[in-house]
């Protein structure tokens, strides 16, 4: 196990001690990968699609690239670049839940396998969040080499873990932005919890490894903005 993962696992295990004791009595059922991925539904990604909403990967070398942006303005910049290079193409920026976007890419890759091509779909967040995560991990003693190898999409959590109430009970929270993690910590009475960082893949691995459903992702600002844009339901 790489040092980067091993160090985080040790920290996460210690942080788990803050979760409600009552949860220990829950059935010992491992969390399926599909259930863990569905937790990403509150994290919309913005990507280039056709007017019908079909993802538009961009040829690059022998493969195709389909960036998934966490910020809409960054996706709009990508759209402007795409339109300059493809004057006759009609494209738009579409917001898709991260788990759905991942499923779409997997489906497209299955069809492309016989052609010897593959869609690479990096998740692109903010430079500020990446810098914060790097700084946090360096303070934890993780080497620059391990950070470079293991950190692609930073996720933040707390020690002790902060929890929120859900219809299924209390859950520990992972945050996609340092700002949201800081805001949550500021609302804690007394000693403020320490903010820690990890890569998204490791956060998902921790969720899947748990024998109980203990975690959720906090909805991003983009999620709340999209909810406000939804037309009001008719009575």
C-alpha atoms as a PDB file:
ATOM      1  CA  UNK A   1       0.000   0.000   0.000  1.00  0.00           C
ATOM      2  CA  UNK A   2       1.514   3.394  -0.983  1.00  0.00           C
ATOM      3  CA  UNK A   3       2.589   5.607   1.928  1.00  0.00           C
ATOM      4  CA  UNK A   4       0.066   8.237   0.831  1.00  0.00           C
ATOM      5  CA  UNK A   5      -2.858   5.839   1.257  1.00  0.00           C
ATOM      6  CA  UNK A   6      -1.498   4.176   4.397  1.00  0.00           C
ATOM      7  CA  UNK A   7      -0.984   7.486   6.190  1.00  0.00           C
ATOM      8  CA  UNK A   8      -4.475   8.697   5.356  1.00  0.00           C
ATOM      9  CA  UNK A   9      -6.089   5.418   6.388  1.00  0.00           C
ATOM     10  CA  UNK A  10      -4.463   5.720   9.813  1.00  0.00           C
ATOM     11  CA  UNK A  11      -5.731   9.282  10.203  1.00  0.00           C
ATOM     12  CA  UNK A  12      -9.207   8.372   8.970  1.00  0.00           C
ATOM     13  CA  UNK A  13      -9.498   5.446  11.358  1.00  0.00           C
ATOM     14  CA  UNK A  14      -8.672   7.746  14.264  1.00  0.00           C
ATOM     15  CA  UNK A  15     -11.189  10.320  13.038  1.00  0.00           C
ATOM     16  CA  UNK A  16     -13.909   7.664  12.838  1.00  0.00           C
ATOM     17  CA  UNK A  17     -13.900   7.503  16.613  1.00  0.00           C
ATOM     18  CA  UNK A  18     -15.958  10.727  16.591  1.00  0.00           C
ATOM     19  CA  UNK A  19     -18.940   9.119  14.853  1.00  0.00           C
ATOM     20  CA  UNK A  20     -22.015   8.301  16.969  1.00  0.00           C
ATOM     21  CA  UNK A  21     -21.589   5.167  19.102  1.00  0.00           C
ATOM     22  CA  UNK A  22     -25.121   4.067  18.232  1.00  0.00           C
ATOM     23  CA  UNK A  23     -23.988   3.433  14.667  1.00  0.00           C
ATOM     24  CA  UNK A  24     -21.853   0.528  15.861  1.00  0.00           C
ATOM     25  CA  UNK A  25     -25.032  -1.501  16.290  1.00  0.00           C
ATOM     26  CA  UNK A  26     -25.955  -1.201  12.611  1.00  0.00           C
ATOM     27  CA  UNK A  27     -25.927  -4.377  10.475  1.00  0.00           C
ATOM     28  CA  UNK A  28     -22.407  -5.312   9.331  1.00  0.00           C
ATOM     29  CA  UNK A  29     -23.011  -4.955   5.614  1.00  0.00           C
ATOM     30  CA  UNK A  30     -20.249  -3.759   3.293  1.00  0.00           C
ATOM     31  CA  UNK A  31     -21.212  -0.753   1.145  1.00  0.00           C
ATOM     32  CA  UNK A  32     -21.462  -1.757  -2.542  1.00  0.00           C
ATOM     33  CA  UNK A  33     -19.406   0.328  -4.964  1.00  0.00           C
ATOM     34  CA  UNK A  34     -22.588   1.365  -6.780  1.00  0.00           C
ATOM     35  CA  UNK A  35     -24.079   2.729  -3.548  1.00  0.00           C
ATOM     36  CA  UNK A  36     -20.868   4.625  -2.814  1.00  0.00           C
ATOM     37  CA  UNK A  37     -20.852   6.170  -6.292  1.00  0.00           C
ATOM     38  CA  UNK A  38     -24.455   7.330  -5.873  1.00  0.00           C
ATOM     39  CA  UNK A  39     -23.265   9.529  -3.028  1.00  0.00           C
ATOM     40  CA  UNK A  40     -21.601  11.663  -5.732  1.00  0.00           C
ATOM     41  CA  UNK A  41     -25.033  12.704  -7.054  1.00  0.00           C
ATOM     42  CA  UNK A  42     -24.809  15.934  -5.002  1.00  0.00           C
ATOM     43  CA  UNK A  43     -21.645  16.931  -6.897  1.00  0.00           C
ATOM     44  CA  UNK A  44     -22.494  18.212 -10.364  1.00  0.00           C
ATOM     45  CA  UNK A  45     -19.761  18.349 -12.979  1.00  0.00           C
ATOM     46  CA  UNK A  46     -19.848  20.603 -16.022  1.00  0.00           C
ATOM     47  CA  UNK A  47     -18.786  19.211 -19.377  1.00  0.00           C
ATOM     48  CA  UNK A  48     -19.118  19.878 -23.066  1.00  0.00           C
ATOM     49  CA  UNK A  49     -22.028  18.125 -24.733  1.00  0.00           C
ATOM     50  CA  UNK A  50     -24.037  18.271 -27.923  1.00  0.00           C
ATOM     51  CA  UNK A  51     -27.301  20.179 -27.883  1.00  0.00           C
ATOM     52  CA  UNK A  52     -28.940  16.837 -27.067  1.00  0.00           C
ATOM     53  CA  UNK A  53     -26.744  16.389 -23.993  1.00  0.00           C
ATOM     54  CA  UNK A  54     -24.348  13.794 -25.432  1.00  0.00           C
ATOM     55  CA  UNK A  55     -20.779  14.260 -24.055  1.00  0.00           C
ATOM     56  CA  UNK A  56     -18.274  15.606 -26.590  1.00  0.00           C
ATOM     57  CA  UNK A  57     -14.801  14.194 -25.909  1.00  0.00           C
ATOM     58  CA  UNK A  58     -11.961  16.010 -27.642  1.00  0.00           C
ATOM     59  CA  UNK A  59      -9.396  14.014 -29.707  1.00  0.00           C
ATOM     60  CA  UNK A  60      -5.943  14.144 -28.180  1.00  0.00           C
ATOM     61  CA  UNK A  61      -3.288  11.820 -29.501  1.00  0.00           C
ATOM     62  CA  UNK A  62      -4.558   8.246 -29.707  1.00  0.00           C
ATOM     63  CA  UNK A  63      -7.292   8.832 -27.155  1.00  0.00           C
ATOM     64  CA  UNK A  64     -10.100  11.243 -26.324  1.00  0.00           C
ATOM     65  CA  UNK A  65     -10.306  13.647 -23.404  1.00  0.00           C
ATOM     66  CA  UNK A  66     -13.478  14.784 -21.667  1.00  0.00           C
ATOM     67  CA  UNK A  67     -12.693  17.160 -18.792  1.00  0.00           C
ATOM     68  CA  UNK A  68     -15.298  17.290 -16.017  1.00  0.00           C
ATOM     69  CA  UNK A  69     -15.193  20.688 -14.341  1.00  0.00           C
ATOM     70  CA  UNK A  70     -16.400  21.371 -10.820  1.00  0.00           C
ATOM     71  CA  UNK A  71     -16.796  25.078 -11.654  1.00  0.00           C
ATOM     72  CA  UNK A  72     -19.127  26.221 -14.424  1.00  0.00           C
ATOM     73  CA  UNK A  73     -17.032  29.237 -15.426  1.00  0.00           C
ATOM     74  CA  UNK A  74     -14.056  26.985 -16.159  1.00  0.00           C
ATOM     75  CA  UNK A  75     -16.272  24.807 -18.368  1.00  0.00           C
ATOM     76  CA  UNK A  76     -17.454  27.923 -20.212  1.00  0.00           C
ATOM     77  CA  UNK A  77     -13.823  28.761 -20.970  1.00  0.00           C
ATOM     78  CA  UNK A  78     -13.377  25.275 -22.396  1.00  0.00           C
ATOM     79  CA  UNK A  79     -16.493  25.773 -24.522  1.00  0.00           C
ATOM     80  CA  UNK A  80     -15.123  29.023 -25.949  1.00  0.00           C
ATOM     81  CA  UNK A  81     -11.868  27.271 -26.881  1.00  0.00           C
ATOM     82  CA  UNK A  82     -13.787  24.376 -28.450  1.00  0.00           C
ATOM     83  CA  UNK A  83     -15.977  26.704 -30.530  1.00  0.00           C
ATOM     84  CA  UNK A  84     -12.952  28.558 -31.886  1.00  0.00           C
ATOM     85  CA  UNK A  85     -11.414  25.286 -33.034  1.00  0.00           C
ATOM     86  CA  UNK A  86     -14.720  23.855 -34.327  1.00  0.00           C
ATOM     87  CA  UNK A  87     -16.619  26.731 -35.911  1.00  0.00           C
ATOM     88  CA  UNK A  88     -19.403  24.547 -37.323  1.00  0.00           C
ATOM     89  CA  UNK A  89     -19.917  22.378 -34.250  1.00  0.00           C
ATOM     90  CA  UNK A  90     -22.817  23.057 -31.928  1.00  0.00           C
ATOM     91  CA  UNK A  91     -21.979  22.469 -28.306  1.00  0.00           C
ATOM     92  CA  UNK A  92     -23.017  23.598 -24.860  1.00  0.00           C
ATOM     93  CA  UNK A  93     -22.043  23.198 -21.226  1.00  0.00           C
ATOM     94  CA  UNK A  94     -24.183  20.641 -19.407  1.00  0.00           C
ATOM     95  CA  UNK A  95     -24.377  20.013 -15.670  1.00  0.00           C
ATOM     96  CA  UNK A  96     -24.495  16.300 -14.846  1.00  0.00           C
ATOM     97  CA  UNK A  97     -24.225  14.550 -11.456  1.00  0.00           C
ATOM     98  CA  UNK A  98     -20.726  13.142 -11.120  1.00  0.00           C
ATOM     99  CA  UNK A  99     -21.944   9.558 -10.747  1.00  0.00           C
ATOM    100  CA  UNK A 100     -24.082   9.847 -13.897  1.00  0.00           C
ATOM    101  CA  UNK A 101     -21.230  11.427 -15.853  1.00  0.00           C
ATOM    102  CA  UNK A 102     -18.961   8.582 -14.780  1.00  0.00           C
ATOM    103  CA  UNK A 103     -21.537   6.027 -15.983  1.00  0.00           C
ATOM    104  CA  UNK A 104     -21.812   7.788 -19.347  1.00  0.00           C
ATOM    105  CA  UNK A 105     -18.047   7.696 -19.839  1.00  0.00           C
ATOM    106  CA  UNK A 106     -17.921   4.008 -18.926  1.00  0.00           C
ATOM    107  CA  UNK A 107     -20.660   3.246 -21.475  1.00  0.00           C
ATOM    108  CA  UNK A 108     -18.841   5.203 -24.184  1.00  0.00           C
ATOM    109  CA  UNK A 109     -15.554   3.458 -23.405  1.00  0.00           C
ATOM    110  CA  UNK A 110     -17.189   0.057 -23.807  1.00  0.00           C
ATOM    111  CA  UNK A 111     -18.238   1.060 -27.339  1.00  0.00           C
ATOM    112  CA  UNK A 112     -14.784   2.467 -28.117  1.00  0.00           C
ATOM    113  CA  UNK A 113     -12.870  -0.578 -26.874  1.00  0.00           C
ATOM    114  CA  UNK A 114     -13.024  -2.366 -30.240  1.00  0.00           C
ATOM    115  CA  UNK A 115     -11.595   0.746 -31.902  1.00  0.00           C
ATOM    116  CA  UNK A 116      -8.614   0.774 -29.571  1.00  0.00           C
ATOM    117  CA  UNK A 117      -9.544   4.155 -28.125  1.00  0.00           C
ATOM    118  CA  UNK A 118     -10.391   5.356 -24.654  1.00  0.00           C
ATOM    119  CA  UNK A 119     -11.973   8.448 -23.127  1.00  0.00           C
ATOM    120  CA  UNK A 120      -9.904  10.014 -20.363  1.00  0.00           C
ATOM    121  CA  UNK A 121     -12.103  12.127 -18.110  1.00  0.00           C
ATOM    122  CA  UNK A 122     -10.111  14.135 -15.551  1.00  0.00           C
ATOM    123  CA  UNK A 123     -12.089  15.971 -12.876  1.00  0.00           C
ATOM    124  CA  UNK A 124     -10.900  19.574 -12.824  1.00  0.00           C
ATOM    125  CA  UNK A 125     -11.360  21.528  -9.600  1.00  0.00           C
ATOM    126  CA  UNK A 126      -9.976  24.842  -8.401  1.00  0.00           C
ATOM    127  CA  UNK A 127      -6.264  25.515  -8.062  1.00  0.00           C
ATOM    128  CA  UNK A 128      -6.926  27.040  -4.629  1.00  0.00           C
ATOM    129  CA  UNK A 129      -8.410  23.786  -3.292  1.00  0.00           C
ATOM    130  CA  UNK A 130      -5.523  21.774  -4.733  1.00  0.00           C
ATOM    131  CA  UNK A 131      -2.990  24.091  -3.092  1.00  0.00           C
ATOM    132  CA  UNK A 132      -4.775  23.836   0.256  1.00  0.00           C
ATOM    133  CA  UNK A 133      -4.832  20.036   0.041  1.00  0.00           C
ATOM    134  CA  UNK A 134      -1.130  19.884  -0.833  1.00  0.00           C
ATOM    135  CA  UNK A 135      -0.290  22.143   2.120  1.00  0.00           C
ATOM    136  CA  UNK A 136      -2.377  20.021   4.515  1.00  0.00           C
ATOM    137  CA  UNK A 137      -0.833  16.751   3.330  1.00  0.00           C
ATOM    138  CA  UNK A 138       2.704  18.140   3.584  1.00  0.00           C
ATOM    139  CA  UNK A 139       1.972  19.129   7.202  1.00  0.00           C
ATOM    140  CA  UNK A 140       0.806  15.537   7.795  1.00  0.00           C
ATOM    141  CA  UNK A 141       4.222  14.355   6.627  1.00  0.00           C
ATOM    142  CA  UNK A 142       3.228  13.036   3.204  1.00  0.00           C
ATOM    143  CA  UNK A 143       6.086  13.408   0.728  1.00  0.00           C
ATOM    144  CA  UNK A 144       5.795  15.630  -2.343  1.00  0.00           C
ATOM    145  CA  UNK A 145       6.338  12.558  -4.516  1.00  0.00           C
ATOM    146  CA  UNK A 146       3.434  10.687  -2.905  1.00  0.00           C
ATOM    147  CA  UNK A 147       1.208  13.749  -3.140  1.00  0.00           C
ATOM    148  CA  UNK A 148       1.996  14.136  -6.824  1.00  0.00           C
ATOM    149  CA  UNK A 149       1.202  10.459  -7.443  1.00  0.00           C
ATOM    150  CA  UNK A 150      -1.877  10.199  -5.245  1.00  0.00           C
ATOM    151  CA  UNK A 151      -3.687  13.541  -5.325  1.00  0.00           C
ATOM    152  CA  UNK A 152      -5.876  14.389  -8.326  1.00  0.00           C
ATOM    153  CA  UNK A 153      -9.197  15.543  -6.853  1.00  0.00           C
ATOM    154  CA  UNK A 154      -8.875  16.886  -3.299  1.00  0.00           C
ATOM    155  CA  UNK A 155     -11.532  16.096  -0.708  1.00  0.00           C
ATOM    156  CA  UNK A 156     -11.576  17.581   2.790  1.00  0.00           C
ATOM    157  CA  UNK A 157     -12.773  16.156   6.103  1.00  0.00           C
ATOM    158  CA  UNK A 158     -12.261  16.819   9.797  1.00  0.00           C
ATOM    159  CA  UNK A 159     -10.574  15.270  12.791  1.00  0.00           C
ATOM    160  CA  UNK A 160     -12.714  14.541  14.696  1.00  0.00           C
ATOM    161  CA  UNK A 161     -15.159  13.838  11.859  1.00  0.00           C
ATOM    162  CA  UNK A 162     -18.050  16.271  11.590  1.00  0.00           C
ATOM    163  CA  UNK A 163     -21.445  14.628  11.151  1.00  0.00           C
ATOM    164  CA  UNK A 164     -24.798  15.695   9.773  1.00  0.00           C
ATOM    165  CA  UNK A 165     -28.246  14.226  10.287  1.00  0.00           C
ATOM    166  CA  UNK A 166     -29.765  12.397   7.326  1.00  0.00           C
ATOM    167  CA  UNK A 167     -33.010  10.406   7.010  1.00  0.00           C
ATOM    168  CA  UNK A 168     -30.866   7.304   7.578  1.00  0.00           C
ATOM    169  CA  UNK A 169     -29.113   8.692  10.669  1.00  0.00           C
ATOM    170  CA  UNK A 170     -25.900  10.603  11.398  1.00  0.00           C
ATOM    171  CA  UNK A 171     -23.176  10.485   8.757  1.00  0.00           C
ATOM    172  CA  UNK A 172     -19.598  11.710   8.596  1.00  0.00           C
ATOM    173  CA  UNK A 173     -19.113  14.377   5.931  1.00  0.00           C
ATOM    174  CA  UNK A 174     -16.613  14.762   3.105  1.00  0.00           C
ATOM    175  CA  UNK A 175     -16.351  18.207   1.499  1.00  0.00           C
ATOM    176  CA  UNK A 176     -15.290  18.958  -2.065  1.00  0.00           C
ATOM    177  CA  UNK A 177     -14.034  22.458  -1.223  1.00  0.00           C
ATOM    178  CA  UNK A 178     -11.809  23.835   1.512  1.00  0.00           C
ATOM    179  CA  UNK A 179     -14.220  26.750   1.899  1.00  0.00           C
ATOM    180  CA  UNK A 180     -17.128  24.462   2.784  1.00  0.00           C
ATOM    181  CA  UNK A 181     -14.948  22.492   5.198  1.00  0.00           C
ATOM    182  CA  UNK A 182     -13.796  25.713   6.871  1.00  0.00           C
ATOM    183  CA  UNK A 183     -17.352  27.050   7.144  1.00  0.00           C
ATOM    184  CA  UNK A 184     -18.502  23.804   8.761  1.00  0.00           C
ATOM    185  CA  UNK A 185     -15.614  23.857  11.238  1.00  0.00           C
ATOM    186  CA  UNK A 186     -16.377  27.457  12.201  1.00  0.00           C
ATOM    187  CA  UNK A 187     -19.836  26.431  13.412  1.00  0.00           C
ATOM    188  CA  UNK A 188     -18.457  23.937  15.940  1.00  0.00           C
ATOM    189  CA  UNK A 189     -18.648  25.112  19.525  1.00  0.00           C
ATOM    190  CA  UNK A 190     -15.433  25.017  21.517  1.00  0.00           C
ATOM    191  CA  UNK A 191     -12.227  23.554  20.067  1.00  0.00           C
ATOM    192  CA  UNK A 192     -12.263  23.675  16.277  1.00  0.00           C
ATOM    193  CA  UNK A 193     -11.682  20.364  14.465  1.00  0.00           C
ATOM    194  CA  UNK A 194      -8.606  19.938  12.305  1.00  0.00           C
ATOM    195  CA  UNK A 195      -9.178  19.995   8.541  1.00  0.00           C
ATOM    196  CA  UNK A 196      -7.527  17.124   6.693  1.00  0.00           C
ATOM    197  CA  UNK A 197      -7.317  16.224   3.005  1.00  0.00           C
ATOM    198  CA  UNK A 198      -7.356  13.146   0.813  1.00  0.00           C
ATOM    199  CA  UNK A 199      -7.916  12.248  -2.823  1.00  0.00           C
ATOM    200  CA  UNK A 200     -11.465  11.502  -3.980  1.00  0.00           C
ATOM    201  CA  UNK A 201     -10.525   7.937  -4.913  1.00  0.00           C
ATOM    202  CA  UNK A 202      -9.350   7.260  -1.369  1.00  0.00           C
ATOM    203  CA  UNK A 203     -12.495   8.805   0.127  1.00  0.00           C
ATOM    204  CA  UNK A 204     -14.610   6.481  -2.031  1.00  0.00           C
ATOM    205  CA  UNK A 205     -12.420   3.511  -1.090  1.00  0.00           C
ATOM    206  CA  UNK A 206     -12.951   4.302   2.589  1.00  0.00           C
ATOM    207  CA  UNK A 207     -16.728   4.469   2.078  1.00  0.00           C
ATOM    208  CA  UNK A 208     -16.715   1.126   0.267  1.00  0.00           C
ATOM    209  CA  UNK A 209     -14.418  -0.533   2.829  1.00  0.00           C
ATOM    210  CA  UNK A 210     -16.694   0.362   5.755  1.00  0.00           C
ATOM    211  CA  UNK A 211     -19.042  -2.378   6.923  1.00  0.00           C
ATOM    212  CA  UNK A 212     -21.643   0.270   7.731  1.00  0.00           C
ATOM    213  CA  UNK A 213     -22.991   3.246   5.812  1.00  0.00           C
ATOM    214  CA  UNK A 214     -21.127   6.025   7.633  1.00  0.00           C
ATOM    215  CA  UNK A 215     -20.425   8.804   5.143  1.00  0.00           C
ATOM    216  CA  UNK A 216     -21.928  11.341   2.750  1.00  0.00           C
ATOM    217  CA  UNK A 217     -20.546  14.057   0.497  1.00  0.00           C
ATOM    218  CA  UNK A 218     -21.636  17.599   1.241  1.00  0.00           C
ATOM    219  CA  UNK A 219     -23.474  19.174  -1.745  1.00  0.00           C
ATOM    220  CA  UNK A 220     -21.346  21.694  -3.608  1.00  0.00           C
ATOM    221  CA  UNK A 221     -22.314  25.327  -4.163  1.00  0.00           C
ATOM    222  CA  UNK A 222     -23.011  24.415  -7.793  1.00  0.00           C
ATOM    223  CA  UNK A 223     -25.554  21.818  -6.616  1.00  0.00           C
ATOM    224  CA  UNK A 224     -27.460  24.379  -4.551  1.00  0.00           C
ATOM    225  CA  UNK A 225     -27.353  26.871  -7.437  1.00  0.00           C
ATOM    226  CA  UNK A 226     -28.781  24.301  -9.845  1.00  0.00           C
ATOM    227  CA  UNK A 227     -31.561  23.457  -7.401  1.00  0.00           C
ATOM    228  CA  UNK A 228     -32.570  27.134  -7.326  1.00  0.00           C
ATOM    229  CA  UNK A 229     -32.663  27.178 -11.126  1.00  0.00           C
ATOM    230  CA  UNK A 230     -35.105  24.274 -11.247  1.00  0.00           C
ATOM    231  CA  UNK A 231     -38.643  25.408 -12.105  1.00  0.00           C
ATOM    232  CA  UNK A 232     -41.019  25.342  -9.177  1.00  0.00           C
ATOM    233  CA  UNK A 233     -43.255  22.275  -9.102  1.00  0.00           C
ATOM    234  CA  UNK A 234     -46.861  22.893 -10.013  1.00  0.00           C
ATOM    235  CA  UNK A 235     -49.383  22.232  -7.197  1.00  0.00           C
END
